[in-house]
PDB file of N, CA and C in Angstrom:
ATOM      1  N   MET A   1       0.844  -1.186   0.000  1.00  0.00           N
ATOM      2  CA  MET A   1       0.000   0.000   0.000  1.00  0.00           C
ATOM      3  C   MET A   1       0.880   1.237   0.000  1.00  0.00           C
ATOM      4  N   ILE A   2       0.528   2.188  -0.827  1.00  0.00           N
ATOM      5  CA  ILE A   2       1.222   3.476  -0.896  1.00  0.00           C
ATOM      6  C   ILE A   2       0.296   4.539  -0.329  1.00  0.00           C
ATOM      7  N   ALA A   3       0.838   5.397   0.522  1.00  0.00           N
ATOM      8  CA  ALA A   3       0.106   6.568   1.008  1.00  0.00           C
ATOM      9  C   ALA A   3       1.068   7.746   0.968  1.00  0.00           C
ATOM     10  N   LEU A   4       0.786   8.694   0.089  1.00  0.00           N
ATOM     11  CA  LEU A   4       1.594   9.901  -0.046  1.00  0.00           C
ATOM     12  C   LEU A   4       0.784  11.075   0.475  1.00  0.00           C
ATOM     13  N   THR A   5       1.422  11.956   1.222  1.00  0.00           N
ATOM     14  CA  THR A   5       0.728  13.133   1.719  1.00  0.00           C
ATOM     15  C   THR A   5       1.581  14.361   1.479  1.00  0.00           C
ATOM     16  N   GLY A   6       0.932  15.493   1.393  1.00  0.00           N
ATOM     17  CA  GLY A   6       1.717  16.709   1.292  1.00  0.00           C
ATOM     18  C   GLY A   6       0.953  17.899   0.771  1.00  0.00           C
ATOM     19  N   ASP A   7       1.637  19.025   0.839  1.00  0.00           N
ATOM     20  CA  ASP A   7       1.143  20.291   0.306  1.00  0.00           C
ATOM     21  C   ASP A   7       1.519  20.310  -1.169  1.00  0.00           C
ATOM     22  N   ILE A   8       0.647  19.772  -1.999  1.00  0.00           N
ATOM     23  CA  ILE A   8       0.939  19.549  -3.412  1.00  0.00           C
ATOM     24  C   ILE A   8       0.782  20.834  -4.229  1.00  0.00           C
ATOM     25  N   ASN A   9      -0.059  21.753  -3.758  1.00  0.00           N
ATOM     26  CA  ASN A   9      -0.306  23.037  -4.415  1.00  0.00           C
ATOM     27  C   ASN A   9      -1.023  22.932  -5.759  1.00  0.00           C
ATOM     28  N   PHE A  10      -1.684  21.828  -6.022  1.00  0.00           N
ATOM     29  CA  PHE A  10      -2.635  21.739  -7.125  1.00  0.00           C
ATOM     30  C   PHE A  10      -4.019  21.829  -6.500  1.00  0.00           C
ATOM     31  N   ASP A  11      -4.718  22.927  -6.730  1.00  0.00           N
ATOM     32  CA  ASP A  11      -6.020  23.144  -6.125  1.00  0.00           C
ATOM     33  C   ASP A  11      -7.076  22.351  -6.887  1.00  0.00           C
ATOM     34  N   LEU A  12      -7.661  21.361  -6.228  1.00  0.00           N
ATOM     35  CA  LEU A  12      -8.638  20.488  -6.869  1.00  0.00           C
ATOM     36  C   LEU A  12     -10.055  21.057  -6.844  1.00  0.00           C
ATOM     37  N   ILE A  13     -10.244  22.242  -6.267  1.00  0.00           N
ATOM     38  CA  ILE A  13     -11.559  22.877  -6.260  1.00  0.00           C
ATOM     39  C   ILE A  13     -11.768  23.697  -7.534  1.00  0.00           C
ATOM     40  N   ILE A  14     -10.706  24.308  -8.034  1.00  0.00           N
ATOM     41  CA  ILE A  14     -10.841  25.159  -9.222  1.00  0.00           C
ATOM     42  C   ILE A  14     -11.065  24.311 -10.465  1.00  0.00           C
ATOM     43  N   HIS A  15     -11.478  24.980 -11.525  1.00  0.00           N
ATOM     44  CA  HIS A  15     -11.647  24.265 -12.796  1.00  0.00           C
ATOM     45  C   HIS A  15     -10.289  23.803 -13.292  1.00  0.00           C
ATOM     46  N   PRO A  16     -10.230  22.600 -13.829  1.00  0.00           N
ATOM     47  CA  PRO A  16      -8.938  22.059 -14.246  1.00  0.00           C
ATOM     48  C   PRO A  16      -8.269  22.894 -15.346  1.00  0.00           C
ATOM     49  N   ASP A  17      -6.963  23.025 -15.245  1.00  0.00           N
ATOM     50  CA  ASP A  17      -6.170  23.597 -16.319  1.00  0.00           C
ATOM     51  C   ASP A  17      -5.252  22.495 -16.846  1.00  0.00           C
ATOM     52  N   SER A  18      -4.396  22.809 -17.774  1.00  0.00           N
ATOM     53  CA  SER A  18      -3.570  21.765 -18.394  1.00  0.00           C
ATOM     54  C   SER A  18      -2.609  21.122 -17.393  1.00  0.00           C
ATOM     55  N   LEU A  19      -2.054  21.901 -16.462  1.00  0.00           N
ATOM     56  CA  LEU A  19      -1.137  21.330 -15.477  1.00  0.00           C
ATOM     57  C   LEU A  19      -1.873  20.403 -14.516  1.00  0.00           C
ATOM     58  N   LEU A  20      -3.059  20.805 -14.081  1.00  0.00           N
ATOM     59  CA  LEU A  20      -3.869  19.962 -13.196  1.00  0.00           C
ATOM     60  C   LEU A  20      -4.295  18.683 -13.915  1.00  0.00           C
ATOM     61  N   THR A  21      -4.608  18.799 -15.187  1.00  0.00           N
ATOM     62  CA  THR A  21      -4.959  17.619 -15.986  1.00  0.00           C
ATOM     63  C   THR A  21      -3.774  16.666 -16.086  1.00  0.00           C
ATOM     64  N   ARG A  22      -2.583  17.201 -16.283  1.00  0.00           N
ATOM     65  CA  ARG A  22      -1.376  16.348 -16.334  1.00  0.00           C
ATOM     66  C   ARG A  22      -1.141  15.665 -14.991  1.00  0.00           C
ATOM     67  N   TYR A  23      -1.362  16.390 -13.893  1.00  0.00           N
ATOM     68  CA  TYR A  23      -1.233  15.813 -12.550  1.00  0.00           C
ATOM     69  C   TYR A  23      -2.214  14.649 -12.378  1.00  0.00           C
ATOM     70  N   SER A  24      -3.476  14.867 -12.729  1.00  0.00           N
ATOM     71  CA  SER A  24      -4.492  13.813 -12.624  1.00  0.00           C
ATOM     72  C   SER A  24      -4.151  12.617 -13.508  1.00  0.00           C
ATOM     73  N   ASN A  25      -3.678  12.880 -14.712  1.00  0.00           N
ATOM     74  CA  ASN A  25      -3.288  11.793 -15.613  1.00  0.00           C
ATOM     75  C   ASN A  25      -2.116  10.993 -15.069  1.00  0.00           C
ATOM     76  N   THR A  26      -1.181  11.668 -14.418  1.00  0.00           N
ATOM     77  CA  THR A  26      -0.040  10.973 -13.810  1.00  0.00           C
ATOM     78  C   THR A  26      -0.505  10.063 -12.683  1.00  0.00           C
ATOM     79  N   LEU A  27      -1.423  10.557 -11.834  1.00  0.00           N
ATOM     80  CA  LEU A  27      -1.969   9.703 -10.775  1.00  0.00           C
ATOM     81  C   LEU A  27      -2.660   8.486 -11.385  1.00  0.00           C
ATOM     82  N   ASP A  28      -3.467   8.706 -12.421  1.00  0.00           N
ATOM     83  CA  ASP A  28      -4.169   7.603 -13.084  1.00  0.00           C
ATOM     84  C   ASP A  28      -3.187   6.583 -13.664  1.00  0.00           C
ATOM     85  N   MET A  29      -2.093   7.067 -14.246  1.00  0.00           N
ATOM     86  CA  MET A  29      -1.112   6.189 -14.874  1.00  0.00           C
ATOM     87  C   MET A  29      -0.516   5.200 -13.859  1.00  0.00           C
ATOM     88  N   PHE A  30      -0.381   5.635 -12.607  1.00  0.00           N
ATOM     89  CA  PHE A  30       0.175   4.781 -11.572  1.00  0.00           C
ATOM     90  C   PHE A  30      -0.898   4.192 -10.655  1.00  0.00           C
ATOM     91  N   ALA A  31      -2.156   4.268 -11.075  1.00  0.00           N
ATOM     92  CA  ALA A  31      -3.297   3.730 -10.319  1.00  0.00           C
ATOM     93  C   ALA A  31      -3.358   4.318  -8.908  1.00  0.00           C
ATOM     94  N   LEU A  32      -3.140   5.621  -8.812  1.00  0.00           N
ATOM     95  CA  LEU A  32      -3.200   6.333  -7.544  1.00  0.00           C
ATOM     96  C   LEU A  32      -4.434   7.225  -7.524  1.00  0.00           C
ATOM     97  N   GLU A  33      -4.965   7.449  -6.314  1.00  0.00           N
ATOM     98  CA  GLU A  33      -6.160   8.279  -6.169  1.00  0.00           C
ATOM     99  C   GLU A  33      -5.961   9.260  -5.029  1.00  0.00           C
ATOM    100  N   GLN A  34      -6.312  10.514  -5.261  1.00  0.00           N
ATOM    101  CA  GLN A  34      -6.288  11.553  -4.240  1.00  0.00           C
ATOM    102  C   GLN A  34      -7.627  11.473  -3.516  1.00  0.00           C
ATOM    103  N   ILE A  35      -7.612  11.325  -2.179  1.00  0.00           N
ATOM    104  CA  ILE A  35      -8.835  11.002  -1.457  1.00  0.00           C
ATOM    105  C   ILE A  35      -9.388  12.128  -0.588  1.00  0.00           C
ATOM    106  N   VAL A  36      -8.681  13.229  -0.452  1.00  0.00           N
ATOM    107  CA  VAL A  36      -9.174  14.342   0.361  1.00  0.00           C
ATOM    108  C   VAL A  36     -10.234  15.099  -0.435  1.00  0.00           C
ATOM    109  N   THR A  37     -11.348  15.417   0.216  1.00  0.00           N
ATOM    110  CA  THR A  37     -12.431  16.104  -0.487  1.00  0.00           C
ATOM    111  C   THR A  37     -12.752  17.480   0.085  1.00  0.00           C
ATOM    112  N   LYS A  38     -12.224  17.809   1.253  1.00  0.00           N
ATOM    113  CA  LYS A  38     -12.505  19.102   1.879  1.00  0.00           C
ATOM    114  C   LYS A  38     -11.297  20.024   1.742  1.00  0.00           C
ATOM    115  N   PRO A  39     -11.530  21.333   1.619  1.00  0.00           N
ATOM    116  CA  PRO A  39     -10.405  22.258   1.552  1.00  0.00           C
ATOM    117  C   PRO A  39      -9.617  22.260   2.853  1.00  0.00           C
ATOM    118  N   GLY A  40      -8.307  22.293   2.734  1.00  0.00           N
ATOM    119  CA  GLY A  40      -7.430  22.289   3.908  1.00  0.00           C
ATOM    120  C   GLY A  40      -6.784  23.635   4.172  1.00  0.00           C
ATOM    121  N   ARG A  41      -7.030  24.583   3.296  1.00  0.00           N
ATOM    122  CA  ARG A  41      -6.521  25.938   3.505  1.00  0.00           C
ATOM    123  C   ARG A  41      -7.672  26.897   3.240  1.00  0.00           C
ATOM    124  N   VAL A  42      -8.155  27.497   4.306  1.00  0.00           N
ATOM    125  CA  VAL A  42      -9.309  28.390   4.222  1.00  0.00           C
ATOM    126  C   VAL A  42      -8.906  29.740   4.800  1.00  0.00           C
ATOM    127  N   THR A  43      -9.110  30.781   4.005  1.00  0.00           N
ATOM    128  CA  THR A  43      -8.878  32.147   4.469  1.00  0.00           C
ATOM    129  C   THR A  43     -10.185  32.923   4.327  1.00  0.00           C
ATOM    130  N   ARG A  44     -10.147  34.205   4.652  1.00  0.00           N
ATOM    131  CA  ARG A  44     -11.347  35.026   4.490  1.00  0.00           C
ATOM    132  C   ARG A  44     -11.756  35.149   3.029  1.00  0.00           C
ATOM    133  N   THR A  45     -10.795  35.009   2.123  1.00  0.00           N
ATOM    134  CA  THR A  45     -11.085  35.236   0.707  1.00  0.00           C
ATOM    135  C   THR A  45     -10.956  34.009  -0.172  1.00  0.00           C
ATOM    136  N   SER A  46     -10.503  32.867   0.380  1.00  0.00           N
ATOM    137  CA  SER A  46     -10.329  31.691  -0.482  1.00  0.00           C
ATOM    138  C   SER A  46     -10.490  30.387   0.296  1.00  0.00           C
ATOM    139  N   ARG A  47     -10.767  29.339  -0.457  1.00  0.00           N
ATOM    140  CA  ARG A  47     -10.841  27.966   0.059  1.00  0.00           C
ATOM    141  C   ARG A  47     -10.132  27.094  -0.971  1.00  0.00           C
ATOM    142  N   THR A  48      -9.050  26.436  -0.578  1.00  0.00           N
ATOM    143  CA  THR A  48      -8.307  25.626  -1.541  1.00  0.00           C
ATOM    144  C   THR A  48      -8.106  24.214  -1.030  1.00  0.00           C
ATOM    145  N   LEU A  49      -8.102  23.287  -1.962  1.00  0.00           N
ATOM    146  CA  LEU A  49      -7.837  21.877  -1.667  1.00  0.00           C
ATOM    147  C   LEU A  49      -6.480  21.557  -2.295  1.00  0.00           C
ATOM    148  N   ILE A  50      -5.413  22.024  -1.616  1.00  0.00           N
ATOM    149  CA  ILE A  50      -4.057  21.856  -2.134  1.00  0.00           C
ATOM    150  C   ILE A  50      -3.243  20.859  -1.318  1.00  0.00           C
ATOM    151  N   ASP A  51      -3.790  20.387  -0.210  1.00  0.00           N
ATOM    152  CA  ASP A  51      -3.143  19.362   0.607  1.00  0.00           C
ATOM    153  C   ASP A  51      -3.804  18.032   0.271  1.00  0.00           C
ATOM    154  N   HIS A  52      -3.009  17.063  -0.123  1.00  0.00           N
ATOM    155  CA  HIS A  52      -3.555  15.820  -0.655  1.00  0.00           C
ATOM    156  C   HIS A  52      -3.075  14.612   0.133  1.00  0.00           C
ATOM    157  N   ILE A  53      -3.903  13.584   0.136  1.00  0.00           N
ATOM    158  CA  ILE A  53      -3.513  12.236   0.553  1.00  0.00           C
ATOM    159  C   ILE A  53      -3.777  11.362  -0.661  1.00  0.00           C
ATOM    160  N   ILE A  54      -2.730  10.710  -1.133  1.00  0.00           N
ATOM    161  CA  ILE A  54      -2.794   9.917  -2.361  1.00  0.00           C
ATOM    162  C   ILE A  54      -2.495   8.467  -2.002  1.00  0.00           C
ATOM    163  N   THR A  55      -3.287   7.549  -2.548  1.00  0.00           N
ATOM    164  CA  THR A  55      -3.085   6.140  -2.246  1.00  0.00           C
ATOM    165  C   THR A  55      -3.419   5.268  -3.447  1.00  0.00           C
ATOM    166  N   ASN A  56      -2.871   4.072  -3.424  1.00  0.00           N
ATOM    167  CA  ASN A  56      -3.228   3.084  -4.443  1.00  0.00           C
ATOM    168  C   ASN A  56      -4.274   2.101  -3.914  1.00  0.00           C
ATOM    169  N   TYR A  57      -4.716   2.266  -2.671  1.00  0.00           N
ATOM    170  CA  TYR A  57      -5.757   1.425  -2.069  1.00  0.00           C
ATOM    171  C   TYR A  57      -6.835   2.294  -1.426  1.00  0.00           C
ATOM    172  N   PRO A  58      -7.600   3.047  -2.207  1.00  0.00           N
ATOM    173  CA  PRO A  58      -8.613   3.913  -1.602  1.00  0.00           C
ATOM    174  C   PRO A  58      -9.690   3.131  -0.848  1.00  0.00           C
ATOM    175  N   MET A  59      -9.866   1.848  -1.189  1.00  0.00           N
ATOM    176  CA  MET A  59     -10.862   1.047  -0.481  1.00  0.00           C
ATOM    177  C   MET A  59     -10.459   0.764   0.964  1.00  0.00           C
ATOM    178  N   ARG A  60      -9.188   0.986   1.301  1.00  0.00           N
ATOM    179  CA  ARG A  60      -8.723   0.798   2.679  1.00  0.00           C
ATOM    180  C   ARG A  60      -8.909   2.046   3.535  1.00  0.00           C
ATOM    181  N   ILE A  61      -9.307   3.137   2.920  1.00  0.00           N
ATOM    182  CA  ILE A  61      -9.513   4.384   3.649  1.00  0.00           C
ATOM    183  C   ILE A  61     -10.976   4.446   4.079  1.00  0.00           C
ATOM    184  N   SER A  62     -11.205   4.406   5.381  1.00  0.00           N
ATOM    185  CA  SER A  62     -12.587   4.407   5.868  1.00  0.00           C
ATOM    186  C   SER A  62     -13.120   5.817   6.103  1.00  0.00           C
ATOM    187  N   ALA A  63     -12.215   6.789   6.281  1.00  0.00           N
ATOM    188  CA  ALA A  63     -12.663   8.167   6.505  1.00  0.00           C
ATOM    189  C   ALA A  63     -11.507   9.126   6.279  1.00  0.00           C
ATOM    190  N   THR A  64     -11.849  10.320   5.843  1.00  0.00           N
ATOM    191  CA  THR A  64     -10.878  11.416   5.784  1.00  0.00           C
ATOM    192  C   THR A  64     -11.550  12.648   6.367  1.00  0.00           C
ATOM    193  N   ASP A  65     -10.731  13.540   6.882  1.00  0.00           N
ATOM    194  CA  ASP A  65     -11.269  14.784   7.417  1.00  0.00           C
ATOM    195  C   ASP A  65     -10.152  15.813   7.465  1.00  0.00           C
ATOM    196  N   VAL A  66     -10.527  17.029   7.775  1.00  0.00           N
ATOM    197  CA  VAL A  66      -9.593  18.130   7.940  1.00  0.00           C
ATOM    198  C   VAL A  66      -9.769  18.648   9.360  1.00  0.00           C
ATOM    199  N   VAL A  67      -8.662  18.719  10.106  1.00  0.00           N
ATOM    200  CA  VAL A  67      -8.690  19.146  11.500  1.00  0.00           C
ATOM    201  C   VAL A  67      -8.174  20.584  11.574  1.00  0.00           C
ATOM    202  N   ALA A  68      -8.949  21.475  12.154  1.00  0.00           N
ATOM    203  CA  ALA A  68      -8.571  22.883  12.244  1.00  0.00           C
ATOM    204  C   ALA A  68      -7.310  23.065  13.078  1.00  0.00           C
ATOM    205  N   THR A  69      -6.313  23.684  12.477  1.00  0.00           N
ATOM    206  CA  THR A  69      -5.062  23.998  13.186  1.00  0.00           C
ATOM    207  C   THR A  69      -4.627  25.421  12.855  1.00  0.00           C
ATOM    208  N   SER A  70      -5.576  26.275  12.579  1.00  0.00           N
ATOM    209  CA  SER A  70      -5.261  27.617  12.097  1.00  0.00           C
ATOM    210  C   SER A  70      -4.506  28.480  13.108  1.00  0.00           C
ATOM    211  N   ILE A  71      -4.483  28.102  14.385  1.00  0.00           N
ATOM    212  CA  ILE A  71      -3.701  28.888  15.347  1.00  0.00           C
ATOM    213  C   ILE A  71      -2.203  28.582  15.228  1.00  0.00           C
ATOM    214  N   VAL A  72      -1.862  27.487  14.534  1.00  0.00           N
ATOM    215  CA  VAL A  72      -0.466  27.086  14.393  1.00  0.00           C
ATOM    216  C   VAL A  72       0.066  27.392  12.990  1.00  0.00           C
ATOM    217  N   THR A  73      -0.749  27.216  11.972  1.00  0.00           N
ATOM    218  CA  THR A  73      -0.318  27.330  10.590  1.00  0.00           C
ATOM    219  C   THR A  73      -1.462  27.821   9.714  1.00  0.00           C
ATOM    220  N   ASP A  74      -1.162  28.159   8.467  1.00  0.00           N
ATOM    221  CA  ASP A  74      -2.222  28.614   7.562  1.00  0.00           C
ATOM    222  C   ASP A  74      -2.888  27.462   6.819  1.00  0.00           C
ATOM    223  N   HIS A  75      -2.462  26.235   7.100  1.00  0.00           N
ATOM    224  CA  HIS A  75      -3.102  25.035   6.561  1.00  0.00           C
ATOM    225  C   HIS A  75      -3.682  24.241   7.724  1.00  0.00           C
ATOM    226  N   ASP A  76      -4.799  23.577   7.484  1.00  0.00           N
ATOM    227  CA  ASP A  76      -5.331  22.661   8.482  1.00  0.00           C
ATOM    228  C   ASP A  76      -4.691  21.295   8.282  1.00  0.00           C
ATOM    229  N   ALA A  77      -4.817  20.426   9.271  1.00  0.00           N
ATOM    230  CA  ALA A  77      -4.197  19.099   9.215  1.00  0.00           C
ATOM    231  C   ALA A  77      -5.145  18.101   8.550  1.00  0.00           C
ATOM    232  N   LEU A  78      -4.579  17.225   7.749  1.00  0.00           N
ATOM    233  CA  LEU A  78      -5.363  16.169   7.113  1.00  0.00           C
ATOM    234  C   LEU A  78      -5.381  14.940   8.001  1.00  0.00           C
ATOM    235  N   LEU A  79      -6.486  14.216   7.939  1.00  0.00           N
ATOM    236  CA  LEU A  79      -6.656  13.001   8.728  1.00  0.00           C
ATOM    237  C   LEU A  79      -7.215  11.921   7.820  1.00  0.00           C
ATOM    238  N   ALA A  80      -6.632  10.743   7.882  1.00  0.00           N
ATOM    239  CA  ALA A  80      -7.159   9.595   7.145  1.00  0.00           C
ATOM    240  C   ALA A  80      -7.147   8.385   8.059  1.00  0.00           C
ATOM    241  N   CYS A  81      -8.252   7.672   8.114  1.00  0.00           N
ATOM    242  CA  CYS A  81      -8.329   6.396   8.840  1.00  0.00           C
ATOM    243  C   CYS A  81      -8.067   5.300   7.822  1.00  0.00           C
ATOM    244  N   ILE A  82      -6.941   4.614   8.009  1.00  0.00           N
ATOM    245  CA  ILE A  82      -6.518   3.588   7.061  1.00  0.00           C
ATOM    246  C   ILE A  82      -6.656   2.229   7.724  1.00  0.00           C
ATOM    247  N   ASN A  83      -7.439   1.355   7.106  1.00  0.00           N
ATOM    248  CA  ASN A  83      -7.642   0.011   7.627  1.00  0.00           C
ATOM    249  C   ASN A  83      -6.577  -0.910   7.033  1.00  0.00           C
ATOM    250  N   VAL A  84      -5.695  -1.387   7.894  1.00  0.00           N
ATOM    251  CA  VAL A  84      -4.654  -2.300   7.444  1.00  0.00           C
ATOM    252  C   VAL A  84      -4.692  -3.557   8.293  1.00  0.00           C
ATOM    253  N   ARG A  85      -4.298  -4.635   7.707  1.00  0.00           N
ATOM    254  CA  ARG A  85      -4.224  -5.892   8.432  1.00  0.00           C
ATOM    255  C   ARG A  85      -2.759  -6.171   8.724  1.00  0.00           C
ATOM    256  N   VAL A  86      -2.451  -6.401   9.986  1.00  0.00           N
ATOM    257  CA  VAL A  86      -1.085  -6.682  10.396  1.00  0.00           C
ATOM    258  C   VAL A  86      -0.979  -8.175  10.689  1.00  0.00           C
ATOM    259  N   ASN A  87      -0.039  -8.814  10.022  1.00  0.00           N
ATOM    260  CA  ASN A  87       0.199 -10.237  10.283  1.00  0.00           C
ATOM    261  C   ASN A  87       0.940 -10.407  11.588  1.00  0.00           C
ATOM    262  N   GLN A  88       0.447 -11.287  12.432  1.00  0.00           N
ATOM    263  CA  GLN A  88       1.134 -11.575  13.703  1.00  0.00           C
ATOM    264  C   GLN A  88       1.808 -12.919  13.571  1.00  0.00           C
ATOM    265  N   TYR A  89       3.059 -12.924  13.943  1.00  0.00           N
ATOM    266  CA  TYR A  89       3.851 -14.170  13.814  1.00  0.00           C
ATOM    267  C   TYR A  89       3.980 -14.864  15.113  1.00  0.00           C
TER     268      TYR A  89
END
């Protein structure tokens, strides 16, 4: 399972442009899916979905959310509940 996170700076709320389309096509090429649906950076004048969690097993993600941390940073924290099975030996 792959789980990539970060401040990707491709805003998925705006209408797609050619760079965003290339980003989406690259994720598709590697069978990856961006699973965050709520904006993680909210100001008085904008709402952007530029913080992403990307995975190749979206069916293992039971929930995602954004946790307010605006007193610490200008981005909120992303949260993902990932269901994994751990083999015990």
